């Protein structure tokens, strides 16, 4: 046996397979998995990768009749128009205010909710509350806004009925510019906090229970265990979610805003995405696809830079980073 093993060890290894051969072998072995992956790859190519090439129209005076190849090349003219547009500052301001409110108000809400839900010791109650909080995520924005309209209606809405009961006057919430942002944030909390909380609850499930047992032996109360054990243990998840939120600082829920806003609330409701939508699809004349693409491209570049900065800060002040 020893001689045979020495003989095998002395034999030179076989020729190394090329990358193409290894890929072919892997596909042959796992072809069913690749077939399952194929629809997702097709969707990714058609709706994510392919449209990137069409962004070249931001550097053209694009005409739908001439197409991309026939349209006139204008270089950075569309981007110059952005900085010359007097309305752009208002759009950026409205977008950033909504995004900052989302980070400051909406982002901490699921963290706080998951921390308190983790303290509920009766499993049935905890699971029931978690399921109920998760349900609004599956409700479409159209239905959520319809529910909101019903609640704040100036004629029959429950909110106005309560205001009138206490001697106040009915308020037309959906036509008041000052009420648009609070209503938008309330809807965002209602629809997303249960989904976001799942991420933090999953992180809490991985916490070693011995840490809590040791804290009990040291006489720590629930608040102290929450502050010194639970919250530091999920800090990595919190930082990752915060970086993603910062990357979406110029992104808002376009469907929700389009359903909520009207000309009377443009002052606070008009954001970059709605402006791009109007000039690209609702123009009174020919749609200005080139200018809309340029605005959206500039927004994406700024968001990407913010993600890089947030990631660098996260790597500097913690052990968590995305890349």
C-alpha atoms as a PDB file:
ATOM      1  CA  UNK A   1       0.000   0.000   0.000  1.00  0.00           C
ATOM      2  CA  UNK A   2       2.803   2.375   0.891  1.00  0.00           C
ATOM      3  CA  UNK A   3       4.625   1.708  -2.407  1.00  0.00           C
ATOM      4  CA  UNK A   4       1.437   2.281  -4.401  1.00  0.00           C
ATOM      5  CA  UNK A   5       0.767   5.574  -2.591  1.00  0.00           C
ATOM      6  CA  UNK A   6       4.349   6.719  -3.266  1.00  0.00           C
ATOM      7  CA  UNK A   7       3.932   5.778  -6.931  1.00  0.00           C
ATOM      8  CA  UNK A   8       0.690   7.776  -7.174  1.00  0.00           C
ATOM      9  CA  UNK A   9       2.289  10.727  -5.401  1.00  0.00           C
ATOM     10  CA  UNK A  10       5.246  10.665  -7.812  1.00  0.00           C
ATOM     11  CA  UNK A  11       3.004  10.790 -10.895  1.00  0.00           C
ATOM     12  CA  UNK A  12       2.750  14.284 -12.401  1.00  0.00           C
ATOM     13  CA  UNK A  13      -0.693  15.966 -12.234  1.00  0.00           C
ATOM     14  CA  UNK A  14      -2.862  15.815 -15.332  1.00  0.00           C
ATOM     15  CA  UNK A  15      -3.153  18.740 -17.715  1.00  0.00           C
ATOM     16  CA  UNK A  16      -4.958  21.708 -16.179  1.00  0.00           C
ATOM     17  CA  UNK A  17      -8.398  22.263 -17.671  1.00  0.00           C
ATOM     18  CA  UNK A  18      -9.064  25.574 -19.365  1.00  0.00           C
ATOM     19  CA  UNK A  19     -11.627  28.032 -18.042  1.00  0.00           C
ATOM     20  CA  UNK A  20     -14.016  27.226 -20.916  1.00  0.00           C
ATOM     21  CA  UNK A  21     -13.841  23.500 -20.113  1.00  0.00           C
ATOM     22  CA  UNK A  22     -14.503  24.119 -16.409  1.00  0.00           C
ATOM     23  CA  UNK A  23     -17.481  26.335 -17.236  1.00  0.00           C
ATOM     24  CA  UNK A  24     -18.843  23.741 -19.672  1.00  0.00           C
ATOM     25  CA  UNK A  25     -18.484  21.014 -17.058  1.00  0.00           C
ATOM     26  CA  UNK A  26     -20.157  23.129 -14.383  1.00  0.00           C
ATOM     27  CA  UNK A  27     -23.086  23.988 -16.667  1.00  0.00           C
ATOM     28  CA  UNK A  28     -23.510  20.326 -17.610  1.00  0.00           C
ATOM     29  CA  UNK A  29     -23.498  19.332 -13.952  1.00  0.00           C
ATOM     30  CA  UNK A  30     -25.819  22.101 -12.695  1.00  0.00           C
ATOM     31  CA  UNK A  31     -27.904  22.808 -15.807  1.00  0.00           C
ATOM     32  CA  UNK A  32     -31.205  22.698 -13.863  1.00  0.00           C
ATOM     33  CA  UNK A  33     -30.011  25.461 -11.544  1.00  0.00           C
ATOM     34  CA  UNK A  34     -28.927  27.569 -14.514  1.00  0.00           C
ATOM     35  CA  UNK A  35     -32.332  27.045 -16.154  1.00  0.00           C
ATOM     36  CA  UNK A  36     -33.975  28.361 -12.990  1.00  0.00           C
ATOM     37  CA  UNK A  37     -31.620  31.345 -13.063  1.00  0.00           C
ATOM     38  CA  UNK A  38     -32.242  32.109 -16.746  1.00  0.00           C
ATOM     39  CA  UNK A  39     -35.512  34.123 -16.412  1.00  0.00           C
ATOM     40  CA  UNK A  40     -33.905  36.389 -13.812  1.00  0.00           C
ATOM     41  CA  UNK A  41     -30.859  36.939 -16.024  1.00  0.00           C
ATOM     42  CA  UNK A  42     -33.083  37.822 -19.000  1.00  0.00           C
ATOM     43  CA  UNK A  43     -35.058  40.326 -16.913  1.00  0.00           C
ATOM     44  CA  UNK A  44     -31.814  41.808 -15.563  1.00  0.00           C
ATOM     45  CA  UNK A  45     -30.413  42.264 -19.066  1.00  0.00           C
ATOM     46  CA  UNK A  46     -33.616  43.644 -20.605  1.00  0.00           C
ATOM     47  CA  UNK A  47     -34.681  46.032 -17.844  1.00  0.00           C
ATOM     48  CA  UNK A  48     -31.427  46.894 -16.029  1.00  0.00           C
ATOM     49  CA  UNK A  49     -28.396  46.465 -18.298  1.00  0.00           C
ATOM     50  CA  UNK A  50     -29.861  47.315 -21.726  1.00  0.00           C
ATOM     51  CA  UNK A  51     -31.399  50.680 -20.699  1.00  0.00           C
ATOM     52  CA  UNK A  52     -27.958  51.862 -19.555  1.00  0.00           C
ATOM     53  CA  UNK A  53     -26.882  52.038 -23.188  1.00  0.00           C
ATOM     54  CA  UNK A  54     -29.856  54.271 -23.989  1.00  0.00           C
ATOM     55  CA  UNK A  55     -28.556  56.886 -21.539  1.00  0.00           C
ATOM     56  CA  UNK A  56     -26.445  58.174 -24.438  1.00  0.00           C
ATOM     57  CA  UNK A  57     -29.471  60.292 -25.378  1.00  0.00           C
ATOM     58  CA  UNK A  58     -28.509  62.608 -22.479  1.00  0.00           C
ATOM     59  CA  UNK A  59     -25.706  63.799 -24.782  1.00  0.00           C
ATOM     60  CA  UNK A  60     -27.977  64.176 -27.819  1.00  0.00           C
ATOM     61  CA  UNK A  61     -30.875  66.280 -29.011  1.00  0.00           C
ATOM     62  CA  UNK A  62     -32.856  63.077 -29.143  1.00  0.00           C
ATOM     63  CA  UNK A  63     -35.725  62.666 -31.574  1.00  0.00           C
ATOM     64  CA  UNK A  64     -37.960  59.604 -31.480  1.00  0.00           C
ATOM     65  CA  UNK A  65     -38.318  59.862 -35.260  1.00  0.00           C
ATOM     66  CA  UNK A  66     -34.550  59.821 -35.911  1.00  0.00           C
ATOM     67  CA  UNK A  67     -33.637  57.344 -33.157  1.00  0.00           C
ATOM     68  CA  UNK A  68     -30.396  57.152 -31.197  1.00  0.00           C
ATOM     69  CA  UNK A  69     -28.185  56.729 -34.259  1.00  0.00           C
ATOM     70  CA  UNK A  70     -29.792  59.565 -36.201  1.00  0.00           C
ATOM     71  CA  UNK A  71     -30.178  62.167 -33.431  1.00  0.00           C
ATOM     72  CA  UNK A  72     -27.816  65.130 -33.260  1.00  0.00           C
ATOM     73  CA  UNK A  73     -24.914  64.936 -30.784  1.00  0.00           C
ATOM     74  CA  UNK A  74     -24.880  67.994 -28.478  1.00  0.00           C
ATOM     75  CA  UNK A  75     -22.329  66.949 -25.837  1.00  0.00           C
ATOM     76  CA  UNK A  76     -22.938  68.494 -22.408  1.00  0.00           C
ATOM     77  CA  UNK A  77     -25.631  70.957 -23.512  1.00  0.00           C
ATOM     78  CA  UNK A  78     -28.383  69.083 -21.665  1.00  0.00           C
ATOM     79  CA  UNK A  79     -26.362  69.175 -18.439  1.00  0.00           C
ATOM     80  CA  UNK A  80     -25.748  72.909 -18.850  1.00  0.00           C
ATOM     81  CA  UNK A  81     -29.512  73.392 -19.045  1.00  0.00           C
ATOM     82  CA  UNK A  82     -29.839  71.719 -15.641  1.00  0.00           C
ATOM     83  CA  UNK A  83     -27.672  74.343 -13.950  1.00  0.00           C
ATOM     84  CA  UNK A  84     -29.444  77.123 -15.849  1.00  0.00           C
ATOM     85  CA  UNK A  85     -32.909  75.882 -14.899  1.00  0.00           C
ATOM     86  CA  UNK A  86     -34.218  78.199 -12.101  1.00  0.00           C
ATOM     87  CA  UNK A  87     -36.688  75.546 -10.961  1.00  0.00           C
ATOM     88  CA  UNK A  88     -33.988  72.915 -10.374  1.00  0.00           C
ATOM     89  CA  UNK A  89     -32.957  74.326  -6.971  1.00  0.00           C
ATOM     90  CA  UNK A  90     -36.529  73.945  -5.718  1.00  0.00           C
ATOM     91  CA  UNK A  91     -36.701  70.377  -7.003  1.00  0.00           C
ATOM     92  CA  UNK A  92     -33.412  69.405  -5.352  1.00  0.00           C
ATOM     93  CA  UNK A  93     -34.509  71.079  -2.114  1.00  0.00           C
ATOM     94  CA  UNK A  94     -37.846  69.202  -2.030  1.00  0.00           C
ATOM     95  CA  UNK A  95     -36.149  65.893  -2.856  1.00  0.00           C
ATOM     96  CA  UNK A  96     -33.437  66.272  -0.213  1.00  0.00           C
ATOM     97  CA  UNK A  97     -35.931  67.373   2.467  1.00  0.00           C
ATOM     98  CA  UNK A  98     -38.080  64.291   1.849  1.00  0.00           C
ATOM     99  CA  UNK A  99     -34.997  62.058   1.826  1.00  0.00           C
ATOM    100  CA  UNK A 100     -33.597  63.565   5.048  1.00  0.00           C
ATOM    101  CA  UNK A 101     -36.978  63.188   6.735  1.00  0.00           C
ATOM    102  CA  UNK A 102     -37.004  59.555   5.613  1.00  0.00           C
ATOM    103  CA  UNK A 103     -33.582  58.974   7.183  1.00  0.00           C
ATOM    104  CA  UNK A 104     -34.200  60.957  10.378  1.00  0.00           C
ATOM    105  CA  UNK A 105     -37.805  59.879  11.029  1.00  0.00           C
ATOM    106  CA  UNK A 106     -38.514  56.697   9.038  1.00  0.00           C
ATOM    107  CA  UNK A 107     -35.137  54.945   9.339  1.00  0.00           C
ATOM    108  CA  UNK A 108     -35.009  54.724  13.186  1.00  0.00           C
ATOM    109  CA  UNK A 109     -38.629  53.583  13.468  1.00  0.00           C
ATOM    110  CA  UNK A 110     -38.137  49.889  12.508  1.00  0.00           C
ATOM    111  CA  UNK A 111     -35.027  49.729  14.728  1.00  0.00           C
ATOM    112  CA  UNK A 112     -36.986  50.948  17.748  1.00  0.00           C
ATOM    113  CA  UNK A 113     -39.916  48.686  16.863  1.00  0.00           C
ATOM    114  CA  UNK A 114     -37.710  45.589  16.529  1.00  0.00           C
ATOM    115  CA  UNK A 115     -35.911  46.364  19.809  1.00  0.00           C
ATOM    116  CA  UNK A 116     -39.194  46.513  21.726  1.00  0.00           C
ATOM    117  CA  UNK A 117     -40.679  43.546  19.872  1.00  0.00           C
ATOM    118  CA  UNK A 118     -37.613  41.510  20.848  1.00  0.00           C
ATOM    119  CA  UNK A 119     -38.491  42.147  24.499  1.00  0.00           C
ATOM    120  CA  UNK A 120     -41.892  40.481  24.133  1.00  0.00           C
ATOM    121  CA  UNK A 121     -41.394  37.032  25.628  1.00  0.00           C
ATOM    122  CA  UNK A 122     -44.705  35.460  24.562  1.00  0.00           C
ATOM    123  CA  UNK A 123     -43.930  34.014  21.118  1.00  0.00           C
ATOM    124  CA  UNK A 124     -47.513  33.973  19.806  1.00  0.00           C
ATOM    125  CA  UNK A 125     -48.001  37.666  20.549  1.00  0.00           C
ATOM    126  CA  UNK A 126     -44.588  38.541  19.107  1.00  0.00           C
ATOM    127  CA  UNK A 127     -45.226  36.618  15.889  1.00  0.00           C
ATOM    128  CA  UNK A 128     -48.748  38.063  15.530  1.00  0.00           C
ATOM    129  CA  UNK A 129     -47.508  41.652  15.938  1.00  0.00           C
ATOM    130  CA  UNK A 130     -44.643  41.043  13.495  1.00  0.00           C
ATOM    131  CA  UNK A 131     -46.998  39.567  10.885  1.00  0.00           C
ATOM    132  CA  UNK A 132     -49.484  42.444  11.211  1.00  0.00           C
ATOM    133  CA  UNK A 133     -46.716  45.036  10.886  1.00  0.00           C
ATOM    134  CA  UNK A 134     -45.419  43.281   7.760  1.00  0.00           C
ATOM    135  CA  UNK A 135     -48.776  43.164   5.927  1.00  0.00           C
ATOM    136  CA  UNK A 136     -48.877  46.835   4.717  1.00  0.00           C
ATOM    137  CA  UNK A 137     -45.711  46.180   2.686  1.00  0.00           C
ATOM    138  CA  UNK A 138     -47.778  44.014   0.316  1.00  0.00           C
ATOM    139  CA  UNK A 139     -50.464  46.664  -0.164  1.00  0.00           C
ATOM    140  CA  UNK A 140     -50.002  48.769  -3.292  1.00  0.00           C
ATOM    141  CA  UNK A 141     -49.328  52.495  -3.049  1.00  0.00           C
ATOM    142  CA  UNK A 142     -52.620  53.193  -4.830  1.00  0.00           C
ATOM    143  CA  UNK A 143     -54.613  51.468  -2.087  1.00  0.00           C
ATOM    144  CA  UNK A 144     -52.558  53.079   0.680  1.00  0.00           C
ATOM    145  CA  UNK A 145     -53.150  56.555  -0.755  1.00  0.00           C
ATOM    146  CA  UNK A 146     -56.859  55.773  -1.200  1.00  0.00           C
ATOM    147  CA  UNK A 147     -57.067  54.819   2.478  1.00  0.00           C
ATOM    148  CA  UNK A 148     -55.276  58.065   3.348  1.00  0.00           C
ATOM    149  CA  UNK A 149     -57.719  60.097   1.229  1.00  0.00           C
ATOM    150  CA  UNK A 150     -60.612  58.453   3.068  1.00  0.00           C
ATOM    151  CA  UNK A 151     -59.131  59.171   6.499  1.00  0.00           C
ATOM    152  CA  UNK A 152     -58.338  62.853   5.842  1.00  0.00           C
ATOM    153  CA  UNK A 153     -61.277  63.728   3.599  1.00  0.00           C
ATOM    154  CA  UNK A 154     -62.578  67.227   4.503  1.00  0.00           C
ATOM    155  CA  UNK A 155     -66.207  66.082   4.313  1.00  0.00           C
ATOM    156  CA  UNK A 156     -66.349  62.599   5.826  1.00  0.00           C
ATOM    157  CA  UNK A 157     -62.788  61.742   6.941  1.00  0.00           C
ATOM    158  CA  UNK A 158     -62.251  60.380  10.424  1.00  0.00           C
ATOM    159  CA  UNK A 159     -59.408  62.812  11.135  1.00  0.00           C
ATOM    160  CA  UNK A 160     -61.517  65.872  10.309  1.00  0.00           C
ATOM    161  CA  UNK A 161     -64.456  64.501  12.269  1.00  0.00           C
ATOM    162  CA  UNK A 162     -62.209  64.305  15.343  1.00  0.00           C
ATOM    163  CA  UNK A 163     -60.944  67.855  14.705  1.00  0.00           C
ATOM    164  CA  UNK A 164     -64.518  69.149  14.403  1.00  0.00           C
ATOM    165  CA  UNK A 165     -65.548  67.255  17.539  1.00  0.00           C
ATOM    166  CA  UNK A 166     -62.972  69.227  19.541  1.00  0.00           C
ATOM    167  CA  UNK A 167     -64.149  72.534  18.056  1.00  0.00           C
ATOM    168  CA  UNK A 168     -61.680  72.876  15.181  1.00  0.00           C
ATOM    169  CA  UNK A 169     -62.303  73.524  11.506  1.00  0.00           C
ATOM    170  CA  UNK A 170     -62.095  70.925   8.777  1.00  0.00           C
ATOM    171  CA  UNK A 171     -58.740  70.855   6.912  1.00  0.00           C
ATOM    172  CA  UNK A 172     -58.276  69.887   3.267  1.00  0.00           C
ATOM    173  CA  UNK A 173     -55.041  68.002   3.983  1.00  0.00           C
ATOM    174  CA  UNK A 174     -54.388  66.801   0.434  1.00  0.00           C
ATOM    175  CA  UNK A 175     -54.523  70.344  -0.966  1.00  0.00           C
ATOM    176  CA  UNK A 176     -52.305  71.961   1.689  1.00  0.00           C
ATOM    177  CA  UNK A 177     -48.587  72.168   0.702  1.00  0.00           C
ATOM    178  CA  UNK A 178     -47.544  72.160   4.353  1.00  0.00           C
ATOM    179  CA  UNK A 179     -49.254  68.827   5.004  1.00  0.00           C
ATOM    180  CA  UNK A 180     -47.791  66.915   2.051  1.00  0.00           C
ATOM    181  CA  UNK A 181     -44.481  65.967   3.705  1.00  0.00           C
ATOM    182  CA  UNK A 182     -45.986  64.768   7.036  1.00  0.00           C
ATOM    183  CA  UNK A 183     -48.552  62.657   5.168  1.00  0.00           C
ATOM    184  CA  UNK A 184     -45.887  61.222   2.865  1.00  0.00           C
ATOM    185  CA  UNK A 185     -43.691  60.252   5.847  1.00  0.00           C
ATOM    186  CA  UNK A 186     -46.630  58.725   7.725  1.00  0.00           C
ATOM    187  CA  UNK A 187     -47.467  56.569   4.696  1.00  0.00           C
ATOM    188  CA  UNK A 188     -43.825  55.538   4.307  1.00  0.00           C
ATOM    189  CA  UNK A 189     -43.584  54.491   7.962  1.00  0.00           C
ATOM    190  CA  UNK A 190     -46.871  52.618   7.755  1.00  0.00           C
ATOM    191  CA  UNK A 191     -45.914  50.725   4.600  1.00  0.00           C
ATOM    192  CA  UNK A 192     -42.219  49.948   5.179  1.00  0.00           C
ATOM    193  CA  UNK A 193     -41.389  49.708   8.880  1.00  0.00           C
ATOM    194  CA  UNK A 194     -42.568  46.095   9.222  1.00  0.00           C
ATOM    195  CA  UNK A 195     -40.452  44.946   6.274  1.00  0.00           C
ATOM    196  CA  UNK A 196     -37.332  46.757   7.533  1.00  0.00           C
ATOM    197  CA  UNK A 197     -37.868  45.430  11.039  1.00  0.00           C
ATOM    198  CA  UNK A 198     -37.555  41.849   9.741  1.00  0.00           C
ATOM    199  CA  UNK A 199     -33.892  42.527   8.911  1.00  0.00           C
ATOM    200  CA  UNK A 200     -33.112  43.688  12.439  1.00  0.00           C
ATOM    201  CA  UNK A 201     -35.143  40.922  14.056  1.00  0.00           C
ATOM    202  CA  UNK A 202     -33.190  38.368  12.015  1.00  0.00           C
ATOM    203  CA  UNK A 203     -29.950  39.935  13.268  1.00  0.00           C
ATOM    204  CA  UNK A 204     -31.213  39.706  16.861  1.00  0.00           C
ATOM    205  CA  UNK A 205     -31.904  35.995  16.426  1.00  0.00           C
ATOM    206  CA  UNK A 206     -28.164  35.463  15.956  1.00  0.00           C
ATOM    207  CA  UNK A 207     -27.230  37.067  19.281  1.00  0.00           C
ATOM    208  CA  UNK A 208     -25.731  34.571  21.740  1.00  0.00           C
ATOM    209  CA  UNK A 209     -28.214  34.064  24.598  1.00  0.00           C
ATOM    210  CA  UNK A 210     -25.311  33.609  27.002  1.00  0.00           C
ATOM    211  CA  UNK A 211     -24.714  37.364  26.814  1.00  0.00           C
ATOM    212  CA  UNK A 212     -28.193  38.011  28.212  1.00  0.00           C
ATOM    213  CA  UNK A 213     -27.719  35.349  30.886  1.00  0.00           C
ATOM    214  CA  UNK A 214     -24.455  36.951  31.962  1.00  0.00           C
ATOM    215  CA  UNK A 215     -26.158  40.351  32.054  1.00  0.00           C
ATOM    216  CA  UNK A 216     -28.943  38.906  34.247  1.00  0.00           C
ATOM    217  CA  UNK A 217     -26.319  37.598  36.675  1.00  0.00           C
ATOM    218  CA  UNK A 218     -24.780  41.076  36.811  1.00  0.00           C
ATOM    219  CA  UNK A 219     -28.160  42.570  37.653  1.00  0.00           C
ATOM    220  CA  UNK A 220     -28.764  44.374  34.337  1.00  0.00           C
ATOM    221  CA  UNK A 221     -32.344  45.446  33.595  1.00  0.00           C
ATOM    222  CA  UNK A 222     -34.094  45.267  30.219  1.00  0.00           C
ATOM    223  CA  UNK A 223     -33.073  48.778  29.166  1.00  0.00           C
ATOM    224  CA  UNK A 224     -29.426  48.079  29.917  1.00  0.00           C
ATOM    225  CA  UNK A 225     -29.480  44.772  28.012  1.00  0.00           C
ATOM    226  CA  UNK A 226     -31.149  46.482  25.068  1.00  0.00           C
ATOM    227  CA  UNK A 227     -28.597  49.312  25.041  1.00  0.00           C
ATOM    228  CA  UNK A 228     -25.392  47.372  25.771  1.00  0.00           C
ATOM    229  CA  UNK A 229     -26.117  43.984  24.108  1.00  0.00           C
ATOM    230  CA  UNK A 230     -28.917  44.076  21.531  1.00  0.00           C
ATOM    231  CA  UNK A 231     -28.192  47.398  19.851  1.00  0.00           C
ATOM    232  CA  UNK A 232     -24.391  46.866  19.482  1.00  0.00           C
ATOM    233  CA  UNK A 233     -25.028  43.354  18.149  1.00  0.00           C
ATOM    234  CA  UNK A 234     -27.205  44.627  15.287  1.00  0.00           C
ATOM    235  CA  UNK A 235     -25.036  47.693  14.578  1.00  0.00           C
ATOM    236  CA  UNK A 236     -23.607  46.084  11.416  1.00  0.00           C
ATOM    237  CA  UNK A 237     -27.085  45.646   9.954  1.00  0.00           C
ATOM    238  CA  UNK A 238     -28.016  49.197  10.960  1.00  0.00           C
ATOM    239  CA  UNK A 239     -24.947  50.653   9.232  1.00  0.00           C
ATOM    240  CA  UNK A 240     -25.541  48.670   6.042  1.00  0.00           C
ATOM    241  CA  UNK A 241     -29.171  49.815   5.908  1.00  0.00           C
ATOM    242  CA  UNK A 242     -28.083  53.400   6.606  1.00  0.00           C
ATOM    243  CA  UNK A 243     -25.599  53.317   3.707  1.00  0.00           C
ATOM    244  CA  UNK A 244     -28.346  52.038   1.411  1.00  0.00           C
ATOM    245  CA  UNK A 245     -30.682  54.792   2.637  1.00  0.00           C
ATOM    246  CA  UNK A 246     -28.048  57.438   1.956  1.00  0.00           C
ATOM    247  CA  UNK A 247     -27.600  56.026  -1.538  1.00  0.00           C
ATOM    248  CA  UNK A 248     -31.335  56.530  -2.073  1.00  0.00           C
ATOM    249  CA  UNK A 249     -31.270  60.114  -0.810  1.00  0.00           C
ATOM    250  CA  UNK A 250     -32.313  61.416  -4.238  1.00  0.00           C
ATOM    251  CA  UNK A 251     -34.856  58.646  -4.697  1.00  0.00           C
ATOM    252  CA  UNK A 252     -38.405  58.864  -3.428  1.00  0.00           C
ATOM    253  CA  UNK A 253     -41.480  56.735  -3.972  1.00  0.00           C
ATOM    254  CA  UNK A 254     -42.603  58.143  -7.321  1.00  0.00           C
ATOM    255  CA  UNK A 255     -45.859  56.168  -7.381  1.00  0.00           C
ATOM    256  CA  UNK A 256     -46.876  57.466  -3.964  1.00  0.00           C
ATOM    257  CA  UNK A 257     -46.086  61.080  -4.854  1.00  0.00           C
ATOM    258  CA  UNK A 258     -47.867  60.921  -8.215  1.00  0.00           C
ATOM    259  CA  UNK A 259     -50.944  59.567  -6.463  1.00  0.00           C
ATOM    260  CA  UNK A 260     -50.792  62.167  -3.685  1.00  0.00           C
ATOM    261  CA  UNK A 261     -49.805  65.351  -5.419  1.00  0.00           C
ATOM    262  CA  UNK A 262     -51.668  67.925  -7.498  1.00  0.00           C
ATOM    263  CA  UNK A 263     -50.830  71.443  -8.723  1.00  0.00           C
ATOM    264  CA  UNK A 264     -51.840  72.969  -5.362  1.00  0.00           C
ATOM    265  CA  UNK A 265     -49.023  71.113  -3.546  1.00  0.00           C
ATOM    266  CA  UNK A 266     -46.281  71.402  -6.188  1.00  0.00           C
ATOM    267  CA  UNK A 267     -44.482  73.800  -3.855  1.00  0.00           C
ATOM    268  CA  UNK A 268     -43.483  70.937  -1.531  1.00  0.00           C
ATOM    269  CA  UNK A 269     -44.395  67.810  -3.525  1.00  0.00           C
ATOM    270  CA  UNK A 270     -42.566  68.404  -6.801  1.00  0.00           C
ATOM    271  CA  UNK A 271     -39.298  66.438  -6.739  1.00  0.00           C
ATOM    272  CA  UNK A 272     -36.678  65.453  -9.316  1.00  0.00           C
ATOM    273  CA  UNK A 273     -38.445  62.245 -10.342  1.00  0.00           C
ATOM    274  CA  UNK A 274     -41.851  63.908 -10.853  1.00  0.00           C
ATOM    275  CA  UNK A 275     -40.199  66.704 -12.839  1.00  0.00           C
ATOM    276  CA  UNK A 276     -38.428  64.157 -15.066  1.00  0.00           C
ATOM    277  CA  UNK A 277     -41.717  62.305 -15.485  1.00  0.00           C
ATOM    278  CA  UNK A 278     -43.514  65.486 -16.564  1.00  0.00           C
ATOM    279  CA  UNK A 279     -40.917  66.694 -19.063  1.00  0.00           C
ATOM    280  CA  UNK A 280     -40.372  63.202 -20.496  1.00  0.00           C
ATOM    281  CA  UNK A 281     -43.965  61.920 -20.641  1.00  0.00           C
ATOM    282  CA  UNK A 282     -46.402  64.759 -19.940  1.00  0.00           C
ATOM    283  CA  UNK A 283     -44.958  67.571 -22.033  1.00  0.00           C
ATOM    284  CA  UNK A 284     -47.526  69.668 -23.887  1.00  0.00           C
ATOM    285  CA  UNK A 285     -45.334  69.570 -27.000  1.00  0.00           C
ATOM    286  CA  UNK A 286     -42.760  66.933 -27.893  1.00  0.00           C
ATOM    287  CA  UNK A 287     -41.399  65.099 -24.823  1.00  0.00           C
ATOM    288  CA  UNK A 288     -37.862  66.178 -23.914  1.00  0.00           C
ATOM    289  CA  UNK A 289     -36.320  62.747 -23.395  1.00  0.00           C
ATOM    290  CA  UNK A 290     -32.733  64.029 -23.554  1.00  0.00           C
ATOM    291  CA  UNK A 291     -33.157  66.589 -20.785  1.00  0.00           C
ATOM    292  CA  UNK A 292     -35.070  64.133 -18.592  1.00  0.00           C
ATOM    293  CA  UNK A 293     -32.318  61.529 -19.027  1.00  0.00           C
ATOM    294  CA  UNK A 294     -29.625  64.086 -18.206  1.00  0.00           C
ATOM    295  CA  UNK A 295     -31.386  65.106 -14.983  1.00  0.00           C
ATOM    296  CA  UNK A 296     -31.821  61.490 -13.928  1.00  0.00           C
ATOM    297  CA  UNK A 297     -28.193  60.625 -14.812  1.00  0.00           C
ATOM    298  CA  UNK A 298     -26.845  63.537 -12.750  1.00  0.00           C
ATOM    299  CA  UNK A 299     -29.016  62.439  -9.836  1.00  0.00           C
ATOM    300  CA  UNK A 300     -27.654  58.892 -10.053  1.00  0.00           C
ATOM    301  CA  UNK A 301     -24.034  60.087 -10.174  1.00  0.00           C
ATOM    302  CA  UNK A 302     -24.522  62.253  -7.052  1.00  0.00           C
ATOM    303  CA  UNK A 303     -26.231  59.349  -5.251  1.00  0.00           C
ATOM    304  CA  UNK A 304     -23.327  57.042  -6.163  1.00  0.00           C
ATOM    305  CA  UNK A 305     -20.821  59.543  -4.764  1.00  0.00           C
ATOM    306  CA  UNK A 306     -22.825  59.765  -1.528  1.00  0.00           C
ATOM    307  CA  UNK A 307     -22.780  55.955  -1.213  1.00  0.00           C
ATOM    308  CA  UNK A 308     -18.984  55.930  -1.628  1.00  0.00           C
ATOM    309  CA  UNK A 309     -18.590  58.624   1.050  1.00  0.00           C
ATOM    310  CA  UNK A 310     -20.967  56.839   3.437  1.00  0.00           C
ATOM    311  CA  UNK A 311     -19.152  53.556   2.874  1.00  0.00           C
ATOM    312  CA  UNK A 312     -15.769  55.169   3.590  1.00  0.00           C
ATOM    313  CA  UNK A 313     -17.098  56.719   6.800  1.00  0.00           C
ATOM    314  CA  UNK A 314     -18.607  53.382   7.855  1.00  0.00           C
ATOM    315  CA  UNK A 315     -15.269  51.650   7.239  1.00  0.00           C
ATOM    316  CA  UNK A 316     -13.430  54.353   9.185  1.00  0.00           C
ATOM    317  CA  UNK A 317     -15.625  54.442  12.270  1.00  0.00           C
ATOM    318  CA  UNK A 318     -16.784  50.807  12.341  1.00  0.00           C
ATOM    319  CA  UNK A 319     -15.900  47.415  10.932  1.00  0.00           C
ATOM    320  CA  UNK A 320     -18.804  47.442   8.484  1.00  0.00           C
ATOM    321  CA  UNK A 321     -18.607  48.369   4.806  1.00  0.00           C
ATOM    322  CA  UNK A 322     -20.413  47.334   1.622  1.00  0.00           C
ATOM    323  CA  UNK A 323     -17.337  47.142  -0.645  1.00  0.00           C
END
